[in-house]
Amino acid sequence: MRRTSIVLIFFSIFKFAHAQESATPIEDEIQIIFWNVENLFDTEDDSLKNDEEFLPYSMRGWNRDRYQKKLFSIYKTLVATGQWKLPEVVALAEIENEKVLQDLIERTPLIRSGYKIIHQESEDRRGIDLAILYKPDRLQVIDTNFIKLNFPDDPYRKTRDIIYLKARVTEEHDFHLFVNHWPSRYGGGKASEQGRNYAAFVVRAEIDSILTYEPESSIVVTGDFNDTPEDQSLRILASDSILHIISDQDFSGTHKFQGLWSHFDHMWVSKSLMQSNTFYVKNRKAEIFHPDWLLEMDKAFGGVKPNRTYAGFRYHGGYSDHLPVFLELKVKPGILAEKEN
């Protein structure tokens, strides 16, 4: 039985690879996915980071086999979101460094993807960062920036940078992307909200600056915000120009804690992407990706929950404690942007 399962797993992997290699690109759609992948650490000690939990001789027992399995799990999920077509833009949270990104695109069938990496080491105390993978044959990078959060009330506090990307899809169509992983709820939602509110003000100021000069700009804001749309931080982010486009009716949430689902992972877009007929969000909404294999039964509280990699310090072997969110931008047929050199 075990041998049969292993054969099926490898057959699925090669099926994914063959489908990606032979699939005909859909040139008028750009898929953007965000996923908090739950602590993608390598197995090597970095003396400058607090990565001791994720080493072979730690309490978690993180090792090469578990690391490689997680890389393949991420690969499988990325392929599945596009139904055998890899997303043009992949935004990831909770990755340790550029090495894990290189391993993801070199030690899995993503080696055929052509993905390039946008990443910079942040000052986060846990050593986890944000990153973007993108396909240069579909997008031309115009500008990138890593926005630091310098908290006025605590100048020594360190967290993840916000990643900004401006990309050109066609000669007529650019878009701006902000990728976020806002401060956690450690200590309680109310007690920790000030950090997330400040992050919201920073992003809101960046958006307003863009819209002041280009009112019809196409903007996507995504990430793990550690807040729901009802919380103050996301009320700061929201406006007549920036709209939340994941419906509560699509699924119960993206993260579950003690039996309660929360929508912490979001997609927000500028109004122009909801109103335009030449460059717009497909179906006018984003979605939570929730196939059965990203979920498991919640024996303690009922229903289902994300199939995570670790339950506390116990290795569970799943994917992540968050579900991915994604949208697709439809582009009116035209001249694609020139490939990046």
Protein backbone atom coordinates (compact mmCIF):
# COMPACT_ATOMS: atom_id res chain seq x y z
CA MET A 1 0.00 0.00 0.00
CA ARG A 2 2.80 2.37 0.93
CA ARG A 3 4.66 1.59 -2.30
CA THR A 4 1.50 2.24 -4.33
CA SER A 5 1.04 5.62 -2.64
CA ILE A 6 4.61 6.61 -3.44
CA VAL A 7 4.12 5.67 -7.10
CA LEU A 8 0.94 7.73 -7.26
CA ILE A 9 2.68 10.72 -5.71
CA PHE A 10 5.49 10.64 -8.25
CA PHE A 11 3.03 10.11 -11.11
CA SER A 12 1.15 13.23 -9.99
CA ILE A 13 4.38 15.23 -9.80
CA PHE A 14 5.39 14.31 -13.35
CA LYS A 15 1.84 14.93 -14.57
CA PHE A 16 2.05 18.46 -13.13
CA ALA A 17 5.42 18.99 -14.78
CA HIS A 18 4.29 17.70 -18.18
CA ALA A 19 1.12 19.77 -18.08
CA GLN A 20 3.05 22.93 -17.28
CA GLU A 21 5.57 22.24 -20.04
CA SER A 22 2.98 21.50 -22.73
CA ALA A 23 0.15 23.85 -21.78
CA THR A 24 -0.61 26.71 -24.16
CA PRO A 25 -0.37 30.05 -22.29
CA ILE A 26 -3.53 32.09 -22.00
CA GLU A 27 -2.03 35.39 -23.05
CA ASP A 28 -4.91 37.59 -21.97
CA GLU A 29 -4.92 36.70 -18.27
CA ILE A 30 -2.51 37.49 -15.45
CA GLN A 31 -3.01 35.50 -12.27
CA ILE A 32 -1.77 36.90 -8.96
CA ILE A 33 -1.68 34.62 -5.94
CA PHE A 34 -0.79 35.36 -2.33
CA TRP A 35 0.00 32.63 0.19
CA ASN A 36 1.39 32.64 3.72
CA VAL A 37 3.22 29.32 3.46
CA GLU A 38 3.84 28.87 7.22
CA ASN A 39 7.51 29.05 8.07
CA LEU A 40 9.42 28.03 4.96
CA PHE A 41 12.86 27.71 6.53
CA ASP A 42 15.90 25.93 5.17
CA THR A 43 17.78 23.45 7.37
CA GLU A 44 20.92 25.54 7.87
CA ASP A 45 21.74 27.67 10.90
CA ASP A 46 21.91 31.42 10.30
CA SER A 47 23.65 33.11 13.19
CA LEU A 48 21.95 36.43 12.36
CA LYS A 49 18.42 35.01 12.61
CA ASN A 50 16.24 33.33 15.19
CA ASP A 51 15.94 30.14 13.14
CA GLU A 52 16.88 27.61 15.84
CA GLU A 53 13.40 26.07 15.83
CA PHE A 54 13.87 24.95 12.23
CA LEU A 55 17.06 22.93 12.40
CA PRO A 56 17.55 19.14 12.28
CA TYR A 57 18.28 18.86 16.01
CA SER A 58 15.64 21.29 17.22
CA MET A 59 12.41 20.41 19.02
CA ARG A 60 10.64 20.56 15.65
CA GLY A 61 13.07 18.14 14.02
CA TRP A 62 13.10 20.10 10.75
CA ASN A 63 15.19 18.15 8.22
CA ARG A 64 15.91 17.77 4.50
CA ASP A 65 13.06 15.36 3.81
CA ARG A 66 10.48 17.60 5.48
CA TYR A 67 11.92 20.65 3.76
CA GLN A 68 11.81 19.02 0.33
CA LYS A 69 8.26 17.81 0.94
CA LYS A 70 7.19 21.37 1.76
CA LEU A 71 8.79 22.72 -1.41
CA PHE A 72 6.84 20.17 -3.48
CA SER A 73 3.65 21.00 -1.59
CA ILE A 74 4.02 24.66 -2.52
CA TYR A 75 4.74 23.73 -6.13
CA LYS A 76 1.66 21.49 -6.29
CA THR A 77 -0.55 24.26 -4.90
CA LEU A 78 0.73 26.90 -7.31
CA VAL A 79 0.09 24.66 -10.29
CA ALA A 80 -3.38 23.75 -9.06
CA THR A 81 -4.57 27.35 -8.59
CA GLY A 82 -4.21 27.94 -12.32
CA GLN A 83 -5.49 24.51 -13.34
CA TRP A 84 -2.10 23.42 -14.74
CA LYS A 85 -1.10 26.99 -15.65
CA LEU A 86 1.37 28.58 -13.25
CA PRO A 87 0.47 32.02 -11.86
CA GLU A 88 2.27 34.94 -13.47
CA VAL A 89 2.81 36.53 -10.04
CA VAL A 90 3.30 34.60 -6.80
CA ALA A 91 3.51 36.57 -3.54
CA LEU A 92 4.70 34.55 -0.55
CA ALA A 93 4.84 35.26 3.18
CA GLU A 94 6.89 33.55 5.89
CA ILE A 95 9.90 32.62 3.79
CA GLU A 96 13.30 32.68 5.47
CA ASN A 97 15.62 33.89 2.72
CA GLU A 98 16.43 33.87 -0.96
CA LYS A 99 17.90 30.37 -0.70
CA VAL A 100 14.49 28.81 -0.03
CA LEU A 101 13.12 30.65 -3.06
CA GLN A 102 15.98 29.37 -5.21
CA ASP A 103 15.36 25.86 -3.93
CA LEU A 104 11.64 26.20 -4.69
CA ILE A 105 12.27 27.09 -8.34
CA GLU A 106 15.30 24.83 -8.84
CA ARG A 107 14.56 21.69 -6.79
CA THR A 108 10.98 21.16 -7.94
CA PRO A 109 9.43 21.05 -11.44
CA LEU A 110 9.20 24.85 -11.17
CA ILE A 111 12.64 24.73 -12.73
CA ARG A 112 10.75 24.93 -16.04
CA SER A 113 8.75 27.97 -14.94
CA GLY A 114 11.27 30.70 -15.70
CA TYR A 115 10.33 32.48 -12.47
CA LYS A 116 12.49 35.36 -11.27
CA ILE A 117 12.71 36.48 -7.66
CA ILE A 118 12.02 39.79 -5.95
CA HIS A 119 13.25 39.62 -2.36
CA GLN A 120 15.28 41.55 0.17
CA GLU A 121 16.27 40.53 3.69
CA SER A 122 14.10 42.37 6.20
CA GLU A 123 14.88 43.14 9.84
CA ASP A 124 12.12 40.90 11.14
CA ARG A 125 13.26 39.36 14.40
CA ARG A 126 12.05 35.89 13.47
CA GLY A 127 13.87 36.12 10.16
CA ILE A 128 10.78 35.68 7.98
CA ASP A 129 10.26 37.79 4.89
CA LEU A 130 7.96 38.43 1.97
CA ALA A 131 8.88 37.66 -1.63
CA ILE A 132 7.51 37.76 -5.16
CA LEU A 133 8.08 35.28 -7.96
CA TYR A 134 7.16 36.52 -11.42
CA LYS A 135 7.35 35.37 -15.03
CA PRO A 136 9.50 37.80 -17.07
CA ASP A 137 8.06 36.50 -20.34
CA ARG A 138 4.68 37.87 -19.26
CA LEU A 139 5.60 40.94 -17.20
CA GLN A 140 8.16 43.69 -17.48
CA VAL A 141 9.28 45.01 -14.10
CA ILE A 142 9.20 48.81 -14.08
CA ASP A 143 9.98 49.49 -10.43
CA THR A 144 10.37 47.75 -7.06
CA ASN A 145 10.68 49.05 -3.52
CA PHE A 146 10.90 47.58 -0.04
CA ILE A 147 8.95 49.76 2.37
CA LYS A 148 10.13 49.60 5.98
CA LEU A 149 7.75 50.15 8.85
CA ASN A 150 9.40 52.53 11.30
CA PHE A 151 6.96 52.53 14.21
CA PRO A 152 6.82 56.01 15.82
CA ASP A 153 5.93 54.60 19.24
CA ASP A 154 8.68 51.94 19.20
CA PRO A 155 11.69 52.73 16.99
CA TYR A 156 13.37 49.43 17.97
CA ARG A 157 10.51 47.28 16.75
CA LYS A 158 11.33 45.31 13.61
CA THR A 159 8.97 43.59 11.20
CA ARG A 160 8.62 42.54 7.57
CA ASP A 161 9.06 45.09 4.80
CA ILE A 162 6.13 45.75 2.47
CA ILE A 163 7.05 44.91 -1.13
CA TYR A 164 6.02 47.28 -3.90
CA LEU A 165 6.11 46.25 -7.55
CA LYS A 166 5.14 48.14 -10.67
CA ALA A 167 4.85 45.89 -13.70
CA ARG A 168 3.91 46.31 -17.35
CA VAL A 169 1.63 43.73 -18.93
CA THR A 170 1.14 45.36 -22.34
CA GLU A 171 2.23 48.64 -23.86
CA GLU A 172 -1.07 50.09 -22.63
CA HIS A 173 -1.43 48.39 -19.24
CA ASP A 174 0.65 48.64 -16.05
CA PHE A 175 -0.30 47.67 -12.53
CA HIS A 176 0.97 48.43 -9.02
CA LEU A 177 1.21 45.64 -6.45
CA PHE A 178 1.68 45.94 -2.67
CA VAL A 179 2.45 42.72 -0.76
CA ASN A 180 1.97 42.82 3.02
CA HIS A 181 2.43 40.77 6.17
CA TRP A 182 1.33 43.05 8.96
CA PRO A 183 2.26 42.67 12.66
CA SER A 184 0.76 39.67 14.39
CA ARG A 185 -1.98 39.50 17.00
CA TYR A 186 0.43 38.28 19.65
CA GLY A 187 -0.86 39.55 22.99
CA GLY A 188 -4.42 39.91 21.66
CA GLY A 189 -6.12 41.67 18.77
CA LYS A 190 -6.91 44.88 20.62
CA ALA A 191 -3.57 45.14 22.42
CA SER A 192 -1.61 44.65 19.17
CA GLU A 193 -3.75 46.69 16.77
CA GLN A 194 -1.61 49.82 16.86
CA GLY A 195 1.11 48.19 14.76
CA ARG A 196 -1.34 47.09 12.09
CA ASN A 197 -3.04 50.48 12.08
CA TYR A 198 0.31 52.12 11.43
CA ALA A 199 1.02 49.70 8.57
CA ALA A 200 -2.37 50.62 7.10
CA PHE A 201 -1.54 54.34 7.22
CA VAL A 202 1.76 53.69 5.42
CA VAL A 203 0.14 51.69 2.60
CA ARG A 204 -2.76 54.13 2.35
CA ALA A 205 -0.29 57.01 1.90
CA GLU A 206 1.52 55.12 -0.87
CA ILE A 207 -1.75 54.42 -2.67
CA ASP A 208 -2.93 58.02 -2.36
CA SER A 209 0.36 59.22 -3.80
CA ILE A 210 -0.11 57.01 -6.88
CA LEU A 211 -3.75 58.00 -7.37
CA THR A 212 -2.95 61.69 -7.03
CA TYR A 213 -0.81 61.56 -10.17
CA GLU A 214 -2.61 58.74 -11.97
CA PRO A 215 -6.27 58.57 -10.83
CA GLU A 216 -7.03 55.60 -13.10
CA SER A 217 -4.08 53.52 -11.92
CA SER A 218 -4.49 49.76 -11.62
CA ILE A 219 -3.55 48.78 -8.05
CA VAL A 220 -3.61 45.43 -6.24
CA VAL A 221 -3.01 45.21 -2.48
CA THR A 222 -2.64 41.73 -1.01
CA GLY A 223 -1.16 39.90 1.94
CA ASP A 224 -1.70 38.50 5.41
CA PHE A 225 -3.06 41.52 7.28
CA ASN A 226 -3.77 39.70 10.57
CA ASP A 227 -7.06 41.63 10.60
CA THR A 228 -10.50 41.29 9.08
CA PRO A 229 -12.25 43.97 6.99
CA GLU A 230 -14.21 44.96 10.10
CA ASP A 231 -11.05 45.87 12.03
CA GLN A 232 -9.74 49.43 12.20
CA SER A 233 -6.60 48.82 10.13
CA LEU A 234 -8.54 47.66 7.09
CA ARG A 235 -11.08 50.42 7.50
CA ILE A 236 -8.10 52.78 7.20
CA LEU A 237 -7.02 51.00 4.02
CA ALA A 238 -10.48 50.98 2.47
CA SER A 239 -11.86 53.93 0.51
CA ASP A 240 -14.00 54.74 -2.50
CA SER A 241 -10.87 54.08 -4.60
CA ILE A 242 -9.68 50.82 -2.96
CA LEU A 243 -12.16 47.95 -2.76
CA HIS A 244 -12.13 44.61 -0.94
CA ILE A 245 -13.01 41.84 -3.39
CA ILE A 246 -13.18 38.57 -1.46
CA SER A 247 -16.71 37.66 -0.46
CA ASP A 248 -17.37 36.12 2.95
CA GLN A 249 -19.71 33.76 1.14
CA ASP A 250 -16.92 32.16 -0.89
CA PHE A 251 -15.46 30.23 2.06
CA SER A 252 -15.35 30.39 5.85
CA GLY A 253 -11.99 32.19 5.97
CA THR A 254 -8.28 31.79 5.32
CA HIS A 255 -7.08 30.97 8.86
CA LYS A 256 -8.67 29.11 11.77
CA PHE A 257 -7.81 29.50 15.45
CA GLN A 258 -9.56 27.64 18.27
CA GLY A 259 -12.49 26.77 16.07
CA LEU A 260 -13.03 30.25 14.63
CA TRP A 261 -12.36 31.11 11.00
CA SER A 262 -10.96 34.56 10.14
CA HIS A 263 -10.41 36.37 6.85
CA PHE A 264 -6.82 37.53 7.43
CA ASP A 265 -5.57 37.12 3.85
CA HIS A 266 -7.05 39.59 1.38
CA MET A 267 -7.13 41.06 -2.09
CA TRP A 268 -7.92 44.76 -2.51
CA VAL A 269 -7.96 46.53 -5.86
CA SER A 270 -8.41 50.03 -7.22
CA LYS A 271 -11.83 50.94 -8.54
CA SER A 272 -10.47 51.15 -12.08
CA LEU A 273 -9.80 47.39 -12.09
CA MET A 274 -13.47 46.78 -11.27
CA GLN A 275 -14.87 49.22 -13.82
CA SER A 276 -12.60 48.99 -16.85
CA ASN A 277 -13.46 46.82 -19.85
CA THR A 278 -9.88 46.59 -21.14
CA PHE A 279 -7.89 45.73 -17.99
CA TYR A 280 -9.95 44.38 -15.13
CA VAL A 281 -10.44 41.70 -12.47
CA LYS A 282 -11.92 38.57 -13.98
CA ASN A 283 -15.43 37.92 -12.64
CA ARG A 284 -14.97 41.14 -10.62
CA LYS A 285 -13.78 39.22 -7.55
CA ALA A 286 -10.88 37.40 -5.92
CA GLU A 287 -11.12 33.89 -4.50
CA ILE A 288 -9.91 31.76 -1.61
CA PHE A 289 -8.27 28.58 -2.90
CA HIS A 290 -9.57 25.72 -0.77
CA PRO A 291 -9.22 22.29 -2.40
CA ASP A 292 -9.80 19.30 -0.13
CA TRP A 293 -6.11 18.52 0.19
CA LEU A 294 -5.37 21.92 1.75
CA LEU A 295 -7.92 21.09 4.46
CA GLU A 296 -8.51 18.43 7.09
CA MET A 297 -11.21 17.59 9.59
CA ASP A 298 -11.21 19.73 12.73
CA LYS A 299 -11.71 17.03 15.37
CA ALA A 300 -11.71 19.46 18.28
CA PHE A 301 -14.15 22.09 17.01
CA GLY A 302 -15.93 20.50 14.05
CA GLY A 303 -15.91 21.28 10.36
CA VAL A 304 -12.59 21.61 8.56
CA LYS A 305 -9.38 23.57 9.08
CA PRO A 306 -6.19 24.24 7.10
CA ASN A 307 -3.93 21.22 6.83
CA ARG A 308 -0.85 22.77 8.39
CA THR A 309 2.82 21.76 8.47
CA TYR A 310 3.14 21.87 12.26
CA ALA A 311 0.62 21.63 15.11
CA GLY A 312 2.56 23.42 17.82
CA PHE A 313 5.95 21.72 17.82
CA ARG A 314 4.55 18.46 16.43
CA TYR A 315 5.24 17.81 12.77
CA HIS A 316 1.91 17.33 11.01
CA GLY A 317 3.12 17.11 7.41
CA GLY A 318 0.52 19.38 5.81
CA TYR A 319 0.75 22.50 3.69
CA SER A 320 0.16 25.69 5.70
CA ASP A 321 -1.98 27.19 8.45
CA HIS A 322 -3.31 29.71 5.88
CA LEU A 323 -5.20 29.26 2.63
CA PRO A 324 -4.07 31.06 -0.55
CA VAL A 325 -6.03 33.89 -2.16
CA PHE A 326 -5.88 34.82 -5.82
CA LEU A 327 -7.32 36.91 -8.61
CA GLU A 328 -6.95 37.07 -12.37
CA LEU A 329 -6.50 40.24 -14.36
CA LYS A 330 -8.06 40.15 -17.80
CA VAL A 331 -6.18 42.05 -20.47
CA LYS A 332 -7.76 43.18 -23.71
CA PRO A 333 -5.77 41.53 -26.53
CA GLY A 334 -2.91 43.75 -27.53
CA ILE A 335 0.84 43.90 -27.73
CA LEU A 336 2.46 42.13 -24.80
CA ALA A 337 5.22 43.93 -22.95
CA GLU A 338 8.72 43.23 -24.22
CA LYS A 339 10.60 40.55 -22.34
CA GLU A 340 12.98 41.71 -19.65
CA ASN A 341 16.61 41.37 -20.63
